[in-house]
Amino acid sequence: MHVTIDDAKKIIEAARKEAEKTKTQMCIAVVDSGADLKAFLRMDGAWVGSIDIAIKKAKTAVYFGMPTGQIGKLSQPGGPLYGIEHSNDGLITFPGGLPIVDSDGVLVGAIGVSGSSVENDHRVASAGVKPVGVSDLPEHPWRT
């Protein structure tokens, strides 16, 4: 199952409102469970470079079913995922990308946000997920 277009619009709008609260201009991307772009917003004044980063954060979160910041912790030198950011045509392994999980615990997509500090990016991404689901997948034996 994929995130619906109606839900994608709600995600974008909730994230946009949170970005305005932080007084930042963000790029906000929503991908479906196949990592295909479902919706995108570049707020007025957001950096052009943040377009690609937001999309890659969303794709990274859906590829691995975990927040990009968590992948970043695992990909440090000496870590079990060191160098992973070079796979899949480039991943982003710092905060701002979150999986989107529906009420049945199914991964339906992800959000990626870029345009400010990683703390603000994560905050805005978290606000985007809230209207439609959660960002934590149920436990699986293979998950780190």
C-alpha atoms as a PDB file:
ATOM      1  CA  MET A   1       0.000   0.000   0.000  1.00  0.00           C
ATOM      2  CA  HIS A   2       1.136   3.532  -0.769  1.00  0.00           C
ATOM      3  CA  VAL A   3       0.528   6.854   0.903  1.00  0.00           C
ATOM      4  CA  THR A   4      -2.476   8.436  -0.816  1.00  0.00           C
ATOM      5  CA  ILE A   5      -2.353  11.783  -2.575  1.00  0.00           C
ATOM      6  CA  ASP A   6      -4.801  13.162  -0.007  1.00  0.00           C
ATOM      7  CA  ASP A   7      -2.515  12.074   2.815  1.00  0.00           C
ATOM      8  CA  ALA A   8       0.529  13.426   0.964  1.00  0.00           C
ATOM      9  CA  LYS A   9      -1.176  16.825   0.771  1.00  0.00           C
ATOM     10  CA  LYS A  10      -1.893  16.718   4.533  1.00  0.00           C
ATOM     11  CA  ILE A  11       1.734  15.800   5.216  1.00  0.00           C
ATOM     12  CA  ILE A  12       3.067  18.655   3.090  1.00  0.00           C
ATOM     13  CA  GLU A  13       0.686  21.157   4.680  1.00  0.00           C
ATOM     14  CA  ALA A  14       1.465  20.109   8.265  1.00  0.00           C
ATOM     15  CA  ALA A  15       5.199  20.252   7.551  1.00  0.00           C
ATOM     16  CA  ARG A  16       4.864  23.657   5.865  1.00  0.00           C
ATOM     17  CA  LYS A  17       3.050  25.066   8.894  1.00  0.00           C
ATOM     18  CA  GLU A  18       5.772  23.788  11.218  1.00  0.00           C
ATOM     19  CA  ALA A  19       8.474  25.255   8.975  1.00  0.00           C
ATOM     20  CA  GLU A  20       6.731  28.625   9.206  1.00  0.00           C
ATOM     21  CA  LYS A  21       6.778  28.329  13.020  1.00  0.00           C
ATOM     22  CA  THR A  22      10.541  27.843  12.869  1.00  0.00           C
ATOM     23  CA  LYS A  23      10.806  30.818  10.482  1.00  0.00           C
ATOM     24  CA  THR A  24      12.615  28.682   7.899  1.00  0.00           C
ATOM     25  CA  GLN A  25      12.108  27.979   4.209  1.00  0.00           C
ATOM     26  CA  MET A  26      12.065  24.265   3.521  1.00  0.00           C
ATOM     27  CA  CYS A  27      11.881  21.771   0.716  1.00  0.00           C
ATOM     28  CA  ILE A  28       9.451  19.007   1.669  1.00  0.00           C
ATOM     29  CA  ALA A  29       9.209  15.715  -0.218  1.00  0.00           C
ATOM     30  CA  VAL A  30       6.830  12.795   0.213  1.00  0.00           C
ATOM     31  CA  VAL A  31       7.557   9.460  -1.453  1.00  0.00           C
ATOM     32  CA  ASP A  32       5.378   6.368  -1.628  1.00  0.00           C
ATOM     33  CA  SER A  33       6.419   2.919  -0.395  1.00  0.00           C
ATOM     34  CA  GLY A  34       8.221   2.302  -3.699  1.00  0.00           C
ATOM     35  CA  ALA A  35      10.335   5.460  -3.128  1.00  0.00           C
ATOM     36  CA  ASP A  36       8.626   7.307  -5.982  1.00  0.00           C
ATOM     37  CA  LEU A  37       7.927  11.009  -5.468  1.00  0.00           C
ATOM     38  CA  LYS A  38       4.284  11.537  -4.512  1.00  0.00           C
ATOM     39  CA  ALA A  39       4.278  15.231  -3.528  1.00  0.00           C
ATOM     40  CA  PHE A  40       6.788  18.041  -3.205  1.00  0.00           C
ATOM     41  CA  LEU A  41       6.882  21.627  -1.992  1.00  0.00           C
ATOM     42  CA  ARG A  42       9.687  24.138  -2.256  1.00  0.00           C
ATOM     43  CA  MET A  43       8.738  27.038  -0.031  1.00  0.00           C
ATOM     44  CA  ASP A  44       9.489  30.525  -1.324  1.00  0.00           C
ATOM     45  CA  GLY A  45      13.126  31.280  -0.610  1.00  0.00           C
ATOM     46  CA  ALA A  46      14.169  27.673   0.081  1.00  0.00           C
ATOM     47  CA  TRP A  47      17.606  26.722  -1.195  1.00  0.00           C
ATOM     48  CA  VAL A  48      17.776  25.035  -4.590  1.00  0.00           C
ATOM     49  CA  GLY A  49      20.295  22.569  -3.143  1.00  0.00           C
ATOM     50  CA  SER A  50      17.701  21.430  -0.619  1.00  0.00           C
ATOM     51  CA  ILE A  51      15.461  20.019  -3.368  1.00  0.00           C
ATOM     52  CA  ASP A  52      17.661  16.989  -3.984  1.00  0.00           C
ATOM     53  CA  ILE A  53      18.465  16.553  -0.296  1.00  0.00           C
ATOM     54  CA  ALA A  54      14.780  16.476   0.740  1.00  0.00           C
ATOM     55  CA  ILE A  55      13.944  13.893  -1.920  1.00  0.00           C
ATOM     56  CA  LYS A  56      16.952  11.744  -1.011  1.00  0.00           C
ATOM     57  CA  LYS A  57      16.104  11.924   2.696  1.00  0.00           C
ATOM     58  CA  ALA A  58      12.597  10.630   1.950  1.00  0.00           C
ATOM     59  CA  LYS A  59      13.934   7.859  -0.296  1.00  0.00           C
ATOM     60  CA  THR A  60      16.559   6.861   2.273  1.00  0.00           C
ATOM     61  CA  ALA A  61      13.916   6.617   5.018  1.00  0.00           C
ATOM     62  CA  VAL A  62      11.654   4.403   2.910  1.00  0.00           C
ATOM     63  CA  TYR A  63      14.491   2.224   1.554  1.00  0.00           C
ATOM     64  CA  PHE A  64      15.535   1.203   5.053  1.00  0.00           C
ATOM     65  CA  GLY A  65      12.364   1.799   7.065  1.00  0.00           C
ATOM     66  CA  MET A  66      14.054   4.003   9.619  1.00  0.00           C
ATOM     67  CA  PRO A  67      14.795   7.671  10.259  1.00  0.00           C
ATOM     68  CA  THR A  68      17.735   9.022   8.312  1.00  0.00           C
ATOM     69  CA  GLY A  69      19.369  10.197  11.540  1.00  0.00           C
ATOM     70  CA  GLN A  70      19.368   6.611  12.820  1.00  0.00           C
ATOM     71  CA  ILE A  71      21.063   5.451   9.621  1.00  0.00           C
ATOM     72  CA  GLY A  72      23.589   8.236  10.131  1.00  0.00           C
ATOM     73  CA  LYS A  73      24.532   6.858  13.550  1.00  0.00           C
ATOM     74  CA  LEU A  74      25.081   3.410  12.015  1.00  0.00           C
ATOM     75  CA  SER A  75      27.117   4.773   9.098  1.00  0.00           C
ATOM     76  CA  GLN A  76      29.900   6.475  11.047  1.00  0.00           C
ATOM     77  CA  PRO A  77      33.486   5.243  10.508  1.00  0.00           C
ATOM     78  CA  GLY A  78      33.766   1.822  12.101  1.00  0.00           C
ATOM     79  CA  GLY A  79      29.972   1.413  12.147  1.00  0.00           C
ATOM     80  CA  PRO A  80      28.117  -1.476  10.541  1.00  0.00           C
ATOM     81  CA  LEU A  81      26.757   0.704   7.713  1.00  0.00           C
ATOM     82  CA  TYR A  82      29.870   2.787   7.064  1.00  0.00           C
ATOM     83  CA  GLY A  83      29.827   3.994   3.444  1.00  0.00           C
ATOM     84  CA  ILE A  84      26.145   3.216   2.828  1.00  0.00           C
ATOM     85  CA  GLU A  85      25.492   6.784   1.653  1.00  0.00           C
ATOM     86  CA  HIS A  86      27.255   5.872  -1.597  1.00  0.00           C
ATOM     87  CA  SER A  87      24.648   3.236  -2.470  1.00  0.00           C
ATOM     88  CA  ASN A  88      21.322   3.674  -4.254  1.00  0.00           C
ATOM     89  CA  ASP A  89      22.489   6.696  -6.286  1.00  0.00           C
ATOM     90  CA  GLY A  90      23.278   8.528  -3.057  1.00  0.00           C
ATOM     91  CA  LEU A  91      21.619   8.455   0.331  1.00  0.00           C
ATOM     92  CA  ILE A  92      21.303  11.135   2.981  1.00  0.00           C
ATOM     93  CA  THR A  93      22.222   9.885   6.442  1.00  0.00           C
ATOM     94  CA  PHE A  94      21.515  12.847   8.681  1.00  0.00           C
ATOM     95  CA  PRO A  95      18.180  13.825  10.297  1.00  0.00           C
ATOM     96  CA  GLY A  96      15.191  15.075   8.327  1.00  0.00           C
ATOM     97  CA  GLY A  97      13.866  11.891   6.730  1.00  0.00           C
ATOM     98  CA  LEU A  98      11.200   9.748   8.392  1.00  0.00           C
ATOM     99  CA  PRO A  99       9.223   6.678   7.345  1.00  0.00           C
ATOM    100  CA  ILE A 100       5.440   6.990   7.293  1.00  0.00           C
ATOM    101  CA  VAL A 101       3.635   4.042   8.864  1.00  0.00           C
ATOM    102  CA  ASP A 102      -0.149   3.648   8.773  1.00  0.00           C
ATOM    103  CA  SER A 103      -2.442   2.513  11.610  1.00  0.00           C
ATOM    104  CA  ASP A 104      -1.902  -1.141  10.614  1.00  0.00           C
ATOM    105  CA  GLY A 105       1.872  -0.811  11.014  1.00  0.00           C
ATOM    106  CA  VAL A 106       2.489  -0.831   7.262  1.00  0.00           C
ATOM    107  CA  LEU A 107       5.199   1.339   5.710  1.00  0.00           C
ATOM    108  CA  VAL A 108       3.313   3.487   3.165  1.00  0.00           C
ATOM    109  CA  GLY A 109       5.951   6.085   2.332  1.00  0.00           C
ATOM    110  CA  ALA A 110       8.327   8.628   3.813  1.00  0.00           C
ATOM    111  CA  ILE A 111       8.902  12.340   4.221  1.00  0.00           C
ATOM    112  CA  GLY A 112      12.141  14.203   3.650  1.00  0.00           C
ATOM    113  CA  VAL A 113      12.776  17.788   4.713  1.00  0.00           C
ATOM    114  CA  SER A 114      15.744  20.040   4.022  1.00  0.00           C
ATOM    115  CA  GLY A 115      16.450  23.729   4.397  1.00  0.00           C
ATOM    116  CA  SER A 116      17.638  24.443   7.918  1.00  0.00           C
ATOM    117  CA  SER A 117      19.545  22.784  10.738  1.00  0.00           C
ATOM    118  CA  VAL A 118      19.112  19.027  11.014  1.00  0.00           C
ATOM    119  CA  GLU A 119      17.198  19.628  14.242  1.00  0.00           C
ATOM    120  CA  ASN A 120      14.685  21.863  12.450  1.00  0.00           C
ATOM    121  CA  ASP A 121      14.524  19.492   9.474  1.00  0.00           C
ATOM    122  CA  HIS A 122      13.662  16.608  11.828  1.00  0.00           C
ATOM    123  CA  ARG A 123      11.122  18.732  13.710  1.00  0.00           C
ATOM    124  CA  VAL A 124       9.356  19.711  10.485  1.00  0.00           C
ATOM    125  CA  ALA A 125       9.406  16.130   9.182  1.00  0.00           C
ATOM    126  CA  SER A 126       7.921  14.871  12.466  1.00  0.00           C
ATOM    127  CA  ALA A 127       5.124  17.430  12.251  1.00  0.00           C
ATOM    128  CA  GLY A 128       4.394  16.305   8.703  1.00  0.00           C
ATOM    129  CA  VAL A 129       3.950  12.660   9.677  1.00  0.00           C
ATOM    130  CA  LYS A 130       1.557  13.302  12.607  1.00  0.00           C
ATOM    131  CA  PRO A 131      -1.693  13.897  10.661  1.00  0.00           C
ATOM    132  CA  VAL A 132      -1.506  10.549   8.846  1.00  0.00           C
ATOM    133  CA  GLY A 133       0.439   8.061  10.946  1.00  0.00           C
ATOM    134  CA  VAL A 134       3.625   7.447  12.864  1.00  0.00           C
ATOM    135  CA  SER A 135       7.281   7.129  11.949  1.00  0.00           C
ATOM    136  CA  ASP A 136       8.131   3.939  13.856  1.00  0.00           C
ATOM    137  CA  LEU A 137       7.770   0.529  12.273  1.00  0.00           C
ATOM    138  CA  PRO A 138       6.752  -2.469  14.362  1.00  0.00           C
ATOM    139  CA  GLU A 139       9.574  -4.691  15.637  1.00  0.00           C
ATOM    140  CA  HIS A 140      11.090  -7.150  13.179  1.00  0.00           C
ATOM    141  CA  PRO A 141      13.908  -9.608  13.925  1.00  0.00           C
ATOM    142  CA  TRP A 142      16.072  -8.235  11.084  1.00  0.00           C
ATOM    143  CA  ARG A 143      15.734  -4.579  12.046  1.00  0.00           C
ATOM    144  CA  THR A 144      18.689  -2.890  13.774  1.00  0.00           C
END
